[in-house]
């Protein structure tokens, strides 16, 4: 199953792969994607598999986007599932580091 949500300047894609649920974010991740983020959040944990969050193509992330990443990680932890954030560009990594959330990033 693949759930795609795209707004003019950014988007969220949830892909259910055989061994993981993959959430891909691109473009501007902000409050305009709130409904799409909620749908991806709900679907990501339906199969009790690890969740991989790919943020390599994110160009901007605001507090709503950061809250989405934190929620994914917290729900995963509460459910006993691994959640890893992969490929943040320098701008996103800097925001995570500034907020002391750089531990969210895999590798």
C-alpha atoms as a PDB file:
ATOM      1  CA  UNK A   1       0.000   0.000   0.000  1.00  0.00           C
ATOM      2  CA  UNK A   2       1.241   3.471  -0.807  1.00  0.00           C
ATOM      3  CA  UNK A   3      -0.296   6.651   0.536  1.00  0.00           C
ATOM      4  CA  UNK A   4       0.789   9.812  -1.225  1.00  0.00           C
ATOM      5  CA  UNK A   5       0.099  13.326  -0.075  1.00  0.00           C
ATOM      6  CA  UNK A   6       1.445  16.324  -1.894  1.00  0.00           C
ATOM      7  CA  UNK A   7       0.928  19.993  -1.370  1.00  0.00           C
ATOM      8  CA  UNK A   8       2.251  22.591  -3.786  1.00  0.00           C
ATOM      9  CA  UNK A   9       5.656  22.872  -2.128  1.00  0.00           C
ATOM     10  CA  UNK A  10       6.159  19.643  -0.187  1.00  0.00           C
ATOM     11  CA  UNK A  11       4.833  16.192   0.388  1.00  0.00           C
ATOM     12  CA  UNK A  12       4.715  12.983   2.351  1.00  0.00           C
ATOM     13  CA  UNK A  13       4.750   9.456   0.947  1.00  0.00           C
ATOM     14  CA  UNK A  14       4.066   6.367   3.047  1.00  0.00           C
ATOM     15  CA  UNK A  15       5.174   3.147   1.358  1.00  0.00           C
ATOM     16  CA  UNK A  16       4.527  -0.216   2.987  1.00  0.00           C
ATOM     17  CA  UNK A  17       7.547  -2.304   1.954  1.00  0.00           C
ATOM     18  CA  UNK A  18       7.984  -5.996   2.856  1.00  0.00           C
ATOM     19  CA  UNK A  19      10.229  -5.376   5.875  1.00  0.00           C
ATOM     20  CA  UNK A  20       9.659  -1.703   6.778  1.00  0.00           C
ATOM     21  CA  UNK A  21       7.187   1.131   6.593  1.00  0.00           C
ATOM     22  CA  UNK A  22       8.968   3.921   4.722  1.00  0.00           C
ATOM     23  CA  UNK A  23       7.916   7.545   5.180  1.00  0.00           C
ATOM     24  CA  UNK A  24       9.476   9.899   2.631  1.00  0.00           C
ATOM     25  CA  UNK A  25       9.282  13.660   3.080  1.00  0.00           C
ATOM     26  CA  UNK A  26      10.264  16.215   0.460  1.00  0.00           C
ATOM     27  CA  UNK A  27      10.163  19.934  -0.118  1.00  0.00           C
ATOM     28  CA  UNK A  28       8.761  22.234   2.547  1.00  0.00           C
ATOM     29  CA  UNK A  29       7.495  20.347   5.600  1.00  0.00           C
ATOM     30  CA  UNK A  30       5.239  22.669   7.539  1.00  0.00           C
ATOM     31  CA  UNK A  31       1.767  23.005   9.030  1.00  0.00           C
ATOM     32  CA  UNK A  32       0.183  22.870   5.558  1.00  0.00           C
ATOM     33  CA  UNK A  33       0.916  19.120   5.629  1.00  0.00           C
ATOM     34  CA  UNK A  34      -0.747  18.504   9.011  1.00  0.00           C
ATOM     35  CA  UNK A  35      -3.564  16.287   7.662  1.00  0.00           C
ATOM     36  CA  UNK A  36      -1.207  14.333   5.432  1.00  0.00           C
ATOM     37  CA  UNK A  37       1.262  13.891   8.297  1.00  0.00           C
ATOM     38  CA  UNK A  38      -1.538  12.549  10.503  1.00  0.00           C
ATOM     39  CA  UNK A  39      -2.528  10.014   7.846  1.00  0.00           C
ATOM     40  CA  UNK A  40       1.081   8.872   7.393  1.00  0.00           C
ATOM     41  CA  UNK A  41       1.533   8.683  11.159  1.00  0.00           C
ATOM     42  CA  UNK A  42      -1.504   6.441  11.538  1.00  0.00           C
ATOM     43  CA  UNK A  43      -0.494   4.165   8.668  1.00  0.00           C
ATOM     44  CA  UNK A  44       3.177   3.841   9.564  1.00  0.00           C
ATOM     45  CA  UNK A  45       2.528   1.640  12.600  1.00  0.00           C
ATOM     46  CA  UNK A  46      -0.249  -0.608  11.287  1.00  0.00           C
ATOM     47  CA  UNK A  47       2.037  -3.560  10.514  1.00  0.00           C
ATOM     48  CA  UNK A  48       4.347  -3.609  13.558  1.00  0.00           C
ATOM     49  CA  UNK A  49       7.460  -3.159  11.400  1.00  0.00           C
ATOM     50  CA  UNK A  50      10.390  -0.755  11.729  1.00  0.00           C
ATOM     51  CA  UNK A  51       9.775   2.710  10.296  1.00  0.00           C
ATOM     52  CA  UNK A  52      12.360   4.423   8.092  1.00  0.00           C
ATOM     53  CA  UNK A  53      11.912   8.165   7.598  1.00  0.00           C
ATOM     54  CA  UNK A  54      13.727   9.577   4.553  1.00  0.00           C
ATOM     55  CA  UNK A  55      14.207  13.345   4.789  1.00  0.00           C
ATOM     56  CA  UNK A  56      16.954  13.682   2.145  1.00  0.00           C
ATOM     57  CA  UNK A  57      14.829  15.887  -0.134  1.00  0.00           C
ATOM     58  CA  UNK A  58      13.477  18.210   2.561  1.00  0.00           C
ATOM     59  CA  UNK A  59      14.266  21.858   1.791  1.00  0.00           C
ATOM     60  CA  UNK A  60      12.560  23.433   4.823  1.00  0.00           C
ATOM     61  CA  UNK A  61      11.086  22.148   8.074  1.00  0.00           C
ATOM     62  CA  UNK A  62       9.162  24.155  10.658  1.00  0.00           C
ATOM     63  CA  UNK A  63       7.987  23.297  14.160  1.00  0.00           C
ATOM     64  CA  UNK A  64       5.054  21.261  12.794  1.00  0.00           C
ATOM     65  CA  UNK A  65       7.475  19.136  10.757  1.00  0.00           C
ATOM     66  CA  UNK A  66       9.773  18.669  13.738  1.00  0.00           C
ATOM     67  CA  UNK A  67       6.760  17.708  15.866  1.00  0.00           C
ATOM     68  CA  UNK A  68       5.849  15.087  13.238  1.00  0.00           C
ATOM     69  CA  UNK A  69       9.338  13.539  13.418  1.00  0.00           C
ATOM     70  CA  UNK A  70       9.266  13.541  17.221  1.00  0.00           C
ATOM     71  CA  UNK A  71       5.791  11.946  17.237  1.00  0.00           C
ATOM     72  CA  UNK A  72       6.948   9.204  14.875  1.00  0.00           C
ATOM     73  CA  UNK A  73       9.889   8.434  17.141  1.00  0.00           C
ATOM     74  CA  UNK A  74       7.863   8.523  20.366  1.00  0.00           C
ATOM     75  CA  UNK A  75       5.053   6.349  19.061  1.00  0.00           C
ATOM     76  CA  UNK A  76       7.595   3.901  17.673  1.00  0.00           C
ATOM     77  CA  UNK A  77       9.366   3.756  21.024  1.00  0.00           C
ATOM     78  CA  UNK A  78       6.062   3.290  22.872  1.00  0.00           C
ATOM     79  CA  UNK A  79       5.106   0.478  20.470  1.00  0.00           C
ATOM     80  CA  UNK A  80       8.537  -1.138  20.754  1.00  0.00           C
ATOM     81  CA  UNK A  81       9.347  -0.441  17.100  1.00  0.00           C
ATOM     82  CA  UNK A  82      12.516   1.020  15.635  1.00  0.00           C
ATOM     83  CA  UNK A  83      12.137   4.394  13.921  1.00  0.00           C
ATOM     84  CA  UNK A  84      15.128   5.870  12.106  1.00  0.00           C
ATOM     85  CA  UNK A  85      15.503   9.185  10.292  1.00  0.00           C
ATOM     86  CA  UNK A  86      17.793   9.012   7.253  1.00  0.00           C
ATOM     87  CA  UNK A  87      19.560  11.499   5.007  1.00  0.00           C
ATOM     88  CA  UNK A  88      18.839  14.919   6.449  1.00  0.00           C
ATOM     89  CA  UNK A  89      20.388  17.706   4.389  1.00  0.00           C
ATOM     90  CA  UNK A  90      22.639  20.100   6.331  1.00  0.00           C
ATOM     91  CA  UNK A  91      19.821  22.595   6.953  1.00  0.00           C
ATOM     92  CA  UNK A  92      17.607  19.946   8.554  1.00  0.00           C
ATOM     93  CA  UNK A  93      20.493  18.435  10.505  1.00  0.00           C
ATOM     94  CA  UNK A  94      21.304  21.921  11.859  1.00  0.00           C
ATOM     95  CA  UNK A  95      17.714  22.422  13.045  1.00  0.00           C
ATOM     96  CA  UNK A  96      17.724  19.015  14.748  1.00  0.00           C
ATOM     97  CA  UNK A  97      21.092  19.758  16.365  1.00  0.00           C
ATOM     98  CA  UNK A  98      19.932  23.184  17.583  1.00  0.00           C
ATOM     99  CA  UNK A  99      16.898  21.550  19.208  1.00  0.00           C
ATOM    100  CA  UNK A 100      19.076  18.769  20.675  1.00  0.00           C
ATOM    101  CA  UNK A 101      17.179  16.231  18.562  1.00  0.00           C
ATOM    102  CA  UNK A 102      20.130  15.066  16.455  1.00  0.00           C
ATOM    103  CA  UNK A 103      19.890  11.656  18.161  1.00  0.00           C
ATOM    104  CA  UNK A 104      16.829  11.044  15.950  1.00  0.00           C
ATOM    105  CA  UNK A 105      19.088  10.742  12.907  1.00  0.00           C
ATOM    106  CA  UNK A 106      20.374   7.288  11.986  1.00  0.00           C
ATOM    107  CA  UNK A 107      24.058   6.806  11.285  1.00  0.00           C
END
